[in-house]
C-alpha atoms as a PDB file:
ATOM      1  CA  MET A   1      21.769  -5.148  30.446  1.00  0.00           C
ATOM      2  CA  SER A   2      19.672  -3.439  27.712  1.00  0.00           C
ATOM      3  CA  PRO A   3      22.089  -1.535  25.556  1.00  0.00           C
ATOM      4  CA  ILE A   4      21.158   1.452  23.273  1.00  0.00           C
ATOM      5  CA  THR A   5      22.840   1.603  19.968  1.00  0.00           C
ATOM      6  CA  GLU A   6      24.176   4.785  18.421  1.00  0.00           C
ATOM      7  CA  LEU A   7      24.045   4.842  14.659  1.00  0.00           C
ATOM      8  CA  ALA A   8      26.577   7.049  12.780  1.00  0.00           C
ATOM      9  CA  HIS A   9      26.893   7.543   9.184  1.00  0.00           C
ATOM     10  CA  LEU A  10      29.786   9.018   7.405  1.00  0.00           C
ATOM     11  CA  THR A  11      30.143   9.998   3.747  1.00  0.00           C
ATOM     12  CA  LEU A  12      33.874   9.722   3.146  1.00  0.00           C
ATOM     13  CA  SER A  13      35.960  12.146   1.179  1.00  0.00           C
ATOM     14  CA  PRO A  14      37.131  10.279  -2.115  1.00  0.00           C
ATOM     15  CA  THR A  15      40.666  12.147  -1.788  1.00  0.00           C
ATOM     16  CA  ILE A  16      41.390  10.314   1.511  1.00  0.00           C
ATOM     17  CA  PRO A  17      43.485   7.022   1.230  1.00  0.00           C
ATOM     18  CA  ASP A  18      42.028   3.815   2.528  1.00  0.00           C
ATOM     19  CA  SER A  19      44.817   3.695   4.889  1.00  0.00           C
ATOM     20  CA  THR A  20      44.127   6.825   6.632  1.00  0.00           C
ATOM     21  CA  ILE A  21      40.532   5.929   6.790  1.00  0.00           C
ATOM     22  CA  ALA A  22      41.482   2.607   8.491  1.00  0.00           C
ATOM     23  CA  SER A  23      43.860   4.375  10.843  1.00  0.00           C
ATOM     24  CA  VAL A  24      41.317   6.985  11.981  1.00  0.00           C
ATOM     25  CA  LEU A  25      38.612   4.237  12.450  1.00  0.00           C
ATOM     26  CA  ALA A  26      41.147   2.344  14.577  1.00  0.00           C
ATOM     27  CA  THR A  27      42.095   5.220  16.832  1.00  0.00           C
ATOM     28  CA  ASN A  28      38.470   6.437  17.211  1.00  0.00           C
ATOM     29  CA  THR A  29      37.387   2.819  18.198  1.00  0.00           C
ATOM     30  CA  ARG A  30      39.981   2.654  20.815  1.00  0.00           C
ATOM     31  CA  ALA A  31      38.940   6.080  22.050  1.00  0.00           C
ATOM     32  CA  LEU A  32      35.203   4.968  22.159  1.00  0.00           C
ATOM     33  CA  LEU A  33      35.988   1.758  24.042  1.00  0.00           C
ATOM     34  CA  SER A  34      38.035   3.606  26.726  1.00  0.00           C
ATOM     35  CA  ARG A  35      34.857   5.418  27.749  1.00  0.00           C
ATOM     36  CA  PRO A  36      32.806   4.059  30.586  1.00  0.00           C
ATOM     37  CA  GLY A  37      29.612   2.561  29.387  1.00  0.00           C
ATOM     38  CA  CYS A  38      30.915   1.719  25.775  1.00  0.00           C
ATOM     39  CA  LEU A  39      30.244  -1.920  25.198  1.00  0.00           C
ATOM     40  CA  ARG A  40      31.293  -2.569  21.645  1.00  0.00           C
ATOM     41  CA  VAL A  41      31.843  -0.658  18.243  1.00  0.00           C
ATOM     42  CA  ARG A  42      30.781  -2.245  14.936  1.00  0.00           C
ATOM     43  CA  SER A  43      31.926  -0.564  11.834  1.00  0.00           C
ATOM     44  CA  SER A  44      31.662  -1.300   8.068  1.00  0.00           C
ATOM     45  CA  LEU A  45      31.696   0.291   4.781  1.00  0.00           C
ATOM     46  CA  ALA A  46      28.242   0.259   3.395  1.00  0.00           C
ATOM     47  CA  THR A  47      26.971  -1.187   0.186  1.00  0.00           C
ATOM     48  CA  SER A  48      24.135   0.595  -1.425  1.00  0.00           C
ATOM     49  CA  HIS A  49      21.011  -1.076  -2.547  1.00  0.00           C
ATOM     50  CA  PRO A  50      20.855  -1.098  -6.434  1.00  0.00           C
ATOM     51  CA  SER A  51      18.028   1.142  -6.612  1.00  0.00           C
ATOM     52  CA  GLN A  52      19.994   3.601  -4.606  1.00  0.00           C
ATOM     53  CA  GLN A  53      23.387   3.420  -5.875  1.00  0.00           C
ATOM     54  CA  GLN A  54      25.865   6.125  -4.645  1.00  0.00           C
ATOM     55  CA  ALA A  55      29.173   7.181  -6.013  1.00  0.00           C
ATOM     56  CA  GLU A  56      30.563   7.959  -2.612  1.00  0.00           C
ATOM     57  CA  LYS A  57      32.019   5.530   0.077  1.00  0.00           C
ATOM     58  CA  HIS A  58      29.934   5.416   3.245  1.00  0.00           C
ATOM     59  CA  LEU A  59      31.172   4.191   6.647  1.00  0.00           C
ATOM     60  CA  ARG A  60      28.547   2.984   9.163  1.00  0.00           C
ATOM     61  CA  LEU A  61      29.100   2.662  12.833  1.00  0.00           C
ATOM     62  CA  PHE A  62      26.916   0.921  15.412  1.00  0.00           C
ATOM     63  CA  ILE A  63      27.946   1.723  18.834  1.00  0.00           C
ATOM     64  CA  ASP A  64      26.438  -0.274  22.013  1.00  0.00           C
ATOM     65  CA  TRP A  65      26.268   2.029  25.107  1.00  0.00           C
ATOM     66  CA  THR A  66      24.950   1.000  28.527  1.00  0.00           C
ATOM     67  CA  SER A  67      22.828   4.173  28.356  1.00  0.00           C
ATOM     68  CA  LEU A  68      22.186   7.620  26.548  1.00  0.00           C
ATOM     69  CA  ALA A  69      23.852   9.204  29.664  1.00  0.00           C
ATOM     70  CA  ALA A  70      26.978   7.151  29.015  1.00  0.00           C
ATOM     71  CA  HIS A  71      27.277   8.431  25.563  1.00  0.00           C
ATOM     72  CA  ALA A  72      26.683  12.006  26.480  1.00  0.00           C
ATOM     73  CA  ALA A  73      29.141  12.012  29.190  1.00  0.00           C
ATOM     74  CA  PHE A  74      31.810  11.307  26.393  1.00  0.00           C
ATOM     75  CA  GLY A  75      31.381  14.998  25.407  1.00  0.00           C
ATOM     76  CA  THR A  76      30.716  16.455  28.817  1.00  0.00           C
ATOM     77  CA  ASP A  77      33.411  14.726  30.937  1.00  0.00           C
ATOM     78  CA  ALA A  78      36.147  14.678  28.449  1.00  0.00           C
ATOM     79  CA  PRO A  79      35.602  17.698  26.151  1.00  0.00           C
ATOM     80  CA  ALA A  80      39.256  17.773  24.714  1.00  0.00           C
ATOM     81  CA  GLU A  81      39.384  14.013  24.027  1.00  0.00           C
ATOM     82  CA  TYR A  82      35.901  14.425  22.331  1.00  0.00           C
ATOM     83  CA  ALA A  83      36.839  17.314  20.269  1.00  0.00           C
ATOM     84  CA  ALA A  84      39.963  15.333  18.897  1.00  0.00           C
ATOM     85  CA  PHE A  85      37.612  12.372  18.224  1.00  0.00           C
ATOM     86  CA  ARG A  86      35.308  14.489  16.174  1.00  0.00           C
ATOM     87  CA  LYS A  87      38.011  16.225  14.316  1.00  0.00           C
ATOM     88  CA  ARG A  88      39.555  12.899  13.300  1.00  0.00           C
ATOM     89  CA  PHE A  89      36.303  11.988  11.732  1.00  0.00           C
ATOM     90  CA  ALA A  90      35.699  15.274  10.226  1.00  0.00           C
ATOM     91  CA  ASP A  91      39.087  15.038   8.530  1.00  0.00           C
ATOM     92  CA  ILE A  92      37.977  12.037   6.443  1.00  0.00           C
ATOM     93  CA  VAL A  93      34.366  13.113   5.679  1.00  0.00           C
ATOM     94  CA  ALA A  94      33.465  14.640   2.277  1.00  0.00           C
ATOM     95  CA  PRO A  95      33.332  18.486   2.660  1.00  0.00           C
ATOM     96  CA  SER A  96      30.014  18.494   0.913  1.00  0.00           C
ATOM     97  CA  ALA A  97      28.275  16.120   3.253  1.00  0.00           C
ATOM     98  CA  GLY A  98      29.828  17.347   6.551  1.00  0.00           C
ATOM     99  CA  MET A  99      29.370  15.519   9.902  1.00  0.00           C
ATOM    100  CA  ARG A 100      25.953  14.062  10.460  1.00  0.00           C
ATOM    101  CA  ARG A 101      24.535  14.020  13.774  1.00  0.00           C
ATOM    102  CA  PRO A 102      24.284  10.306  14.940  1.00  0.00           C
ATOM    103  CA  PHE A 103      20.925   8.761  16.503  1.00  0.00           C
ATOM    104  CA  HIS A 104      20.077   6.253  19.048  1.00  0.00           C
ATOM    105  CA  VAL A 105      17.905   3.018  18.881  1.00  0.00           C
ATOM    106  CA  PHE A 106      16.905   0.520  21.322  1.00  0.00           C
ATOM    107  CA  PHE A 107      16.797  -2.644  19.307  1.00  0.00           C
ATOM    108  CA  GLN A 108      14.453  -5.523  19.817  1.00  0.00           C
ATOM    109  CA  GLU A 109      16.021  -8.613  18.432  1.00  0.00           C
ATOM    110  CA  GLY A 110      14.087 -11.563  17.152  1.00  0.00           C
ATOM    111  CA  GLU A 111      15.448 -14.946  15.697  1.00  0.00           C
ATOM    112  CA  VAL A 112      12.968 -16.767  13.496  1.00  0.00           C
ATOM    113  CA  ALA A 113      13.675 -20.362  12.497  1.00  0.00           C
ATOM    114  CA  ARG A 114      13.352 -21.140   8.857  1.00  0.00           C
ATOM    115  CA  ASP A 115      10.195 -23.439   8.149  1.00  0.00           C
ATOM    116  CA  ASP A 116      12.583 -26.268   6.976  1.00  0.00           C
ATOM    117  CA  ASP A 117      14.043 -26.120  10.576  1.00  0.00           C
ATOM    118  CA  ASN A 118      10.702 -27.462  11.946  1.00  0.00           C
ATOM    119  CA  ALA A 119      10.341 -24.646  14.509  1.00  0.00           C
ATOM    120  CA  ASN A 120       7.693 -22.418  15.637  1.00  0.00           C
ATOM    121  CA  ASP A 121       8.054 -18.872  14.188  1.00  0.00           C
ATOM    122  CA  ASN A 122       6.926 -17.363  17.540  1.00  0.00           C
ATOM    123  CA  ASP A 123       9.296 -19.179  19.897  1.00  0.00           C
ATOM    124  CA  ASN A 124      12.007 -16.618  19.888  1.00  0.00           C
ATOM    125  CA  GLU A 125       9.875 -13.314  19.599  1.00  0.00           C
ATOM    126  CA  ASP A 126      10.763 -10.625  22.185  1.00  0.00           C
ATOM    127  CA  SER A 127       8.136  -8.835  24.237  1.00  0.00           C
ATOM    128  CA  ASP A 128       7.844  -5.112  23.203  1.00  0.00           C
ATOM    129  CA  ASP A 129       9.657  -4.250  26.378  1.00  0.00           C
ATOM    130  CA  ASP A 130      12.497  -6.620  25.860  1.00  0.00           C
ATOM    131  CA  TYR A 131      15.399  -4.573  24.314  1.00  0.00           C
ATOM    132  CA  THR A 132      18.353  -6.818  23.654  1.00  0.00           C
ATOM    133  CA  GLY A 133      20.561  -5.131  21.332  1.00  0.00           C
ATOM    134  CA  ALA A 134      21.156  -6.402  17.795  1.00  0.00           C
ATOM    135  CA  SER A 135      23.693  -9.287  17.311  1.00  0.00           C
ATOM    136  CA  VAL A 136      22.537  -9.588  13.718  1.00  0.00           C
ATOM    137  CA  LEU A 137      24.706  -6.643  13.108  1.00  0.00           C
ATOM    138  CA  ASP A 138      27.792  -8.687  14.188  1.00  0.00           C
ATOM    139  CA  HIS A 139      29.531 -10.471  11.278  1.00  0.00           C
ATOM    140  CA  GLY A 140      29.829 -14.046  12.442  1.00  0.00           C
ATOM    141  CA  ALA A 141      29.238 -17.728  11.853  1.00  0.00           C
ATOM    142  CA  LYS A 142      25.244 -17.285  11.280  1.00  0.00           C
ATOM    143  CA  THR A 143      25.139 -13.721   9.661  1.00  0.00           C
ATOM    144  CA  GLN A 144      27.731 -12.371   7.101  1.00  0.00           C
ATOM    145  CA  VAL A 145      25.663  -9.518   5.833  1.00  0.00           C
ATOM    146  CA  ALA A 146      23.175  -7.551   7.393  1.00  0.00           C
ATOM    147  CA  GLU A 147      20.313  -5.769   5.306  1.00  0.00           C
ATOM    148  CA  LEU A 148      19.781  -2.272   6.926  1.00  0.00           C
ATOM    149  CA  VAL A 149      16.508  -0.676   6.324  1.00  0.00           C
ATOM    150  CA  HIS A 150      15.657   2.885   7.421  1.00  0.00           C
ATOM    151  CA  VAL A 151      11.997   3.874   7.353  1.00  0.00           C
ATOM    152  CA  TYR A 152      11.574   7.610   7.854  1.00  0.00           C
ATOM    153  CA  TYR A 153       8.406   9.226   9.519  1.00  0.00           C
ATOM    154  CA  PRO A 154       7.474  12.708  10.205  1.00  0.00           C
ATOM    155  CA  ASP A 155       8.702  14.062  13.443  1.00  0.00           C
ATOM    156  CA  HIS A 156       5.354  13.996  15.478  1.00  0.00           C
ATOM    157  CA  GLU A 157       5.420  12.081  18.812  1.00  0.00           C
ATOM    158  CA  LYS A 158       4.347   8.529  18.136  1.00  0.00           C
ATOM    159  CA  THR A 159       1.753   6.763  20.171  1.00  0.00           C
ATOM    160  CA  GLY A 160       2.524   3.255  21.608  1.00  0.00           C
ATOM    161  CA  GLU A 161       0.198   1.924  18.987  1.00  0.00           C
ATOM    162  CA  GLU A 162       2.016   3.435  16.074  1.00  0.00           C
ATOM    163  CA  LYS A 163       5.348   2.194  17.396  1.00  0.00           C
ATOM    164  CA  GLY A 164       3.810  -1.193  17.939  1.00  0.00           C
ATOM    165  CA  ARG A 165       2.492  -1.479  14.463  1.00  0.00           C
ATOM    166  CA  GLY A 166       6.055  -0.568  13.153  1.00  0.00           C
ATOM    167  CA  LEU A 167       7.792  -3.219  15.102  1.00  0.00           C
ATOM    168  CA  GLN A 168       4.978  -5.766  14.466  1.00  0.00           C
ATOM    169  CA  THR A 169       5.634  -5.241  10.655  1.00  0.00           C
ATOM    170  CA  ALA A 170       9.334  -5.801  11.114  1.00  0.00           C
ATOM    171  CA  ARG A 171       8.417  -9.052  12.785  1.00  0.00           C
ATOM    172  CA  ASP A 172       6.146 -10.050  10.055  1.00  0.00           C
ATOM    173  CA  VAL A 173       8.649  -9.459   7.407  1.00  0.00           C
ATOM    174  CA  ALA A 174      11.069 -11.809   9.225  1.00  0.00           C
ATOM    175  CA  ALA A 175       8.326 -14.335   9.534  1.00  0.00           C
ATOM    176  CA  ALA A 176       7.586 -14.139   5.846  1.00  0.00           C
ATOM    177  CA  LEU A 177      11.107 -14.588   4.992  1.00  0.00           C
ATOM    178  CA  ALA A 178      11.171 -17.697   7.319  1.00  0.00           C
ATOM    179  CA  LYS A 179       8.003 -19.215   5.499  1.00  0.00           C
ATOM    180  CA  LEU A 180       9.839 -18.918   2.211  1.00  0.00           C
ATOM    181  CA  ALA A 181      12.991 -20.705   3.597  1.00  0.00           C
ATOM    182  CA  LEU A 182      14.919 -18.629   1.091  1.00  0.00           C
ATOM    183  CA  PRO A 183      18.566 -19.733   0.463  1.00  0.00           C
ATOM    184  CA  GLY A 184      20.821 -17.217   2.316  1.00  0.00           C
ATOM    185  CA  TRP A 185      18.426 -15.962   4.956  1.00  0.00           C
ATOM    186  CA  THR A 186      19.766 -16.606   8.276  1.00  0.00           C
ATOM    187  CA  GLY A 187      16.730 -16.100  10.430  1.00  0.00           C
ATOM    188  CA  GLN A 188      18.284 -13.255  12.472  1.00  0.00           C
ATOM    189  CA  SER A 189      16.618  -9.850  12.686  1.00  0.00           C
ATOM    190  CA  ALA A 190      16.184  -6.735  14.875  1.00  0.00           C
ATOM    191  CA  ALA A 191      14.036  -3.509  14.902  1.00  0.00           C
ATOM    192  CA  GLY A 192      13.644  -0.406  16.851  1.00  0.00           C
ATOM    193  CA  TRP A 193      12.705   3.146  16.902  1.00  0.00           C
ATOM    194  CA  SER A 194      15.110   6.162  16.911  1.00  0.00           C
ATOM    195  CA  VAL A 195      14.995   8.015  20.329  1.00  0.00           C
ATOM    196  CA  GLU A 196      15.496  11.195  18.367  1.00  0.00           C
ATOM    197  CA  ARG A 197      12.717  12.766  16.300  1.00  0.00           C
ATOM    198  CA  ASP A 198      15.076  15.090  14.390  1.00  0.00           C
ATOM    199  CA  VAL A 199      16.951  12.791  12.230  1.00  0.00           C
ATOM    200  CA  LEU A 200      17.320  14.523   8.944  1.00  0.00           C
ATOM    201  CA  TYR A 201      16.037  12.894   5.765  1.00  0.00           C
ATOM    202  CA  GLN A 202      16.462  15.072   2.611  1.00  0.00           C
ATOM    203  CA  GLY A 203      16.456  18.017   4.847  1.00  0.00           C
ATOM    204  CA  ARG A 204      13.282  17.019   6.746  1.00  0.00           C
ATOM    205  CA  PRO A 205      13.364  16.157  10.404  1.00  0.00           C
ATOM    206  CA  CYS A 206      12.166  12.501  10.985  1.00  0.00           C
ATOM    207  CA  GLN A 207      11.771   9.706  13.485  1.00  0.00           C
ATOM    208  CA  VAL A 208      13.264   6.343  12.257  1.00  0.00           C
ATOM    209  CA  LEU A 209      12.184   2.782  12.352  1.00  0.00           C
ATOM    210  CA  VAL A 210      15.433   0.725  11.801  1.00  0.00           C
ATOM    211  CA  MET A 211      15.166  -2.970  10.756  1.00  0.00           C
ATOM    212  CA  VAL A 212      17.955  -5.398  10.235  1.00  0.00           C
ATOM    213  CA  PHE A 213      17.597  -8.657   8.456  1.00  0.00           C
ATOM    214  CA  GLY A 214      20.587 -11.324   8.265  1.00  0.00           C
ATOM    215  CA  TRP A 215      21.817 -12.871   5.039  1.00  0.00           C
ATOM    216  CA  ASP A 216      24.890 -14.940   3.881  1.00  0.00           C
ATOM    217  CA  SER A 217      25.642 -12.419   1.210  1.00  0.00           C
ATOM    218  CA  VAL A 218      24.586  -9.340  -0.751  1.00  0.00           C
ATOM    219  CA  GLU A 219      23.964 -11.674  -3.701  1.00  0.00           C
ATOM    220  CA  ALA A 220      21.660 -13.952  -1.519  1.00  0.00           C
ATOM    221  CA  CYS A 221      19.539 -10.911  -0.453  1.00  0.00           C
ATOM    222  CA  GLU A 222      19.372  -9.515  -4.253  1.00  0.00           C
ATOM    223  CA  LYS A 223      18.462 -12.891  -5.640  1.00  0.00           C
ATOM    224  CA  ALA A 224      15.706 -13.403  -2.926  1.00  0.00           C
ATOM    225  CA  ARG A 225      14.329  -9.802  -3.636  1.00  0.00           C
ATOM    226  CA  GLY A 226      13.997 -10.661  -7.317  1.00  0.00           C
ATOM    227  CA  GLY A 227      12.225 -13.893  -6.883  1.00  0.00           C
ATOM    228  CA  GLU A 228       8.536 -14.698  -7.175  1.00  0.00           C
ATOM    229  CA  GLY A 229       8.143 -15.860  -3.610  1.00  0.00           C
ATOM    230  CA  PHE A 230       9.390 -12.460  -2.299  1.00  0.00           C
ATOM    231  CA  ALA A 231       7.073 -10.540  -4.510  1.00  0.00           C
ATOM    232  CA  ARG A 232       4.111 -12.731  -3.411  1.00  0.00           C
ATOM    233  CA  VAL A 233       4.774 -13.119   0.365  1.00  0.00           C
ATOM    234  CA  VAL A 234       7.223 -10.334   1.611  1.00  0.00           C
ATOM    235  CA  ALA A 235       6.542  -7.477  -0.594  1.00  0.00           C
ATOM    236  CA  PRO A 236       2.909  -7.199   0.358  1.00  0.00           C
ATOM    237  CA  VAL A 237       4.309  -6.868   4.191  1.00  0.00           C
ATOM    238  CA  LEU A 238       6.601  -4.035   3.229  1.00  0.00           C
ATOM    239  CA  GLY A 239       3.862  -2.543   1.283  1.00  0.00           C
ATOM    240  CA  ARG A 240       2.216  -1.445   4.453  1.00  0.00           C
ATOM    241  CA  PHE A 241       4.766   1.284   4.965  1.00  0.00           C
ATOM    242  CA  GLY A 242       3.715   2.742   1.579  1.00  0.00           C
ATOM    243  CA  LYS A 243      -0.033   2.789   2.496  1.00  0.00           C
ATOM    244  CA  GLU A 244       0.663   5.017   5.470  1.00  0.00           C
ATOM    245  CA  LYS A 245      -0.202   8.425   3.835  1.00  0.00           C
ATOM    246  CA  GLY A 246      -1.144  11.900   5.076  1.00  0.00           C
ATOM    247  CA  GLU A 247       0.923  13.888   7.609  1.00  0.00           C
ATOM    248  CA  LYS A 248       1.788  10.678   9.552  1.00  0.00           C
ATOM    249  CA  GLY A 249       2.818   8.696   6.744  1.00  0.00           C
ATOM    250  CA  VAL A 250       6.070   7.468   5.536  1.00  0.00           C
ATOM    251  CA  VAL A 251       8.498  10.214   4.216  1.00  0.00           C
ATOM    252  CA  GLY A 252      10.840   7.793   2.612  1.00  0.00           C
ATOM    253  CA  MET A 253      13.024   4.621   2.792  1.00  0.00           C
ATOM    254  CA  GLU A 254      16.826   3.650   2.563  1.00  0.00           C
ATOM    255  CA  VAL A 255      18.397   0.313   2.331  1.00  0.00           C
ATOM    256  CA  CYS A 256      21.876  -0.745   2.501  1.00  0.00           C
ATOM    257  CA  TYR A 257      24.165  -3.752   3.448  1.00  0.00           C
ATOM    258  CA  VAL A 258      27.106  -3.833   6.062  1.00  0.00           C
ATOM    259  CA  SER A 259      29.443  -6.482   6.919  1.00  0.00           C
ATOM    260  CA  ASN A 260      30.685  -5.319  10.329  1.00  0.00           C
ATOM    261  CA  THR A 261      33.812  -5.837  12.210  1.00  0.00           C
ATOM    262  CA  THR A 262      32.944  -5.794  16.000  1.00  0.00           C
ATOM    263  CA  THR A 263      35.405  -4.757  18.792  1.00  0.00           C
ATOM    264  CA  GLU A 264      34.312  -5.528  22.139  1.00  0.00           C
ATOM    265  CA  SER A 265      35.042  -3.524  25.448  1.00  0.00           C
ATOM    266  CA  SER A 266      37.493  -5.403  27.487  1.00  0.00           C
ATOM    267  CA  GLY A 267      36.163  -3.811  30.574  1.00  0.00           C
END
């Protein structure tokens, strides 16, 4: 089964108590898992990257479905239940932010062993057609914190070559991290393109390349980013995005951290 992941982002109202937010999240998680085709719900308050600090609290959800059609059926087959689901979330969202439209990603997951594990970096790479989901998003024994990177592109139709370049860059970032054997890097990663080409970034419709990298902690990632090795080996790979100029070039990037709670379907 090749799941598709729905990514939802809620900017929370500062006047809503944490207990109310937790109650709404629990109720809506149950509502999602009751739907045919919903495999699991992951959720976390997001921690902003230091360069993008935000005063508001942000809730991120990563919902695995068996298909786009299964997600769409929630609204068409159970309109009253879906309306109540949306209202519960709308009631905890900051009025100035409103309800953002979610988008969907077919994740291609890779696990690259660190060089000090004496493993071949290419042993666990997935083929371009092998969409596996993103277990790196699950808080567990291996990854405690997932670094979430959004790279926004203009909304033109991407060629297979363009999409392949983005995914290859994500793999190359993971390989560069592995070569450095950085403390706190877990070796887990995933990447994928949004199905939608109208994801808003600063008011502009975009298609998004989403990359996820696993760490022991936010502190471990921040320490790695500030090190000489990262600047020498990893930053030049990430710099490929900044070199893509013109009408097809990168519009912007966002980075945050999540430590998800995952609830699996019992079906």
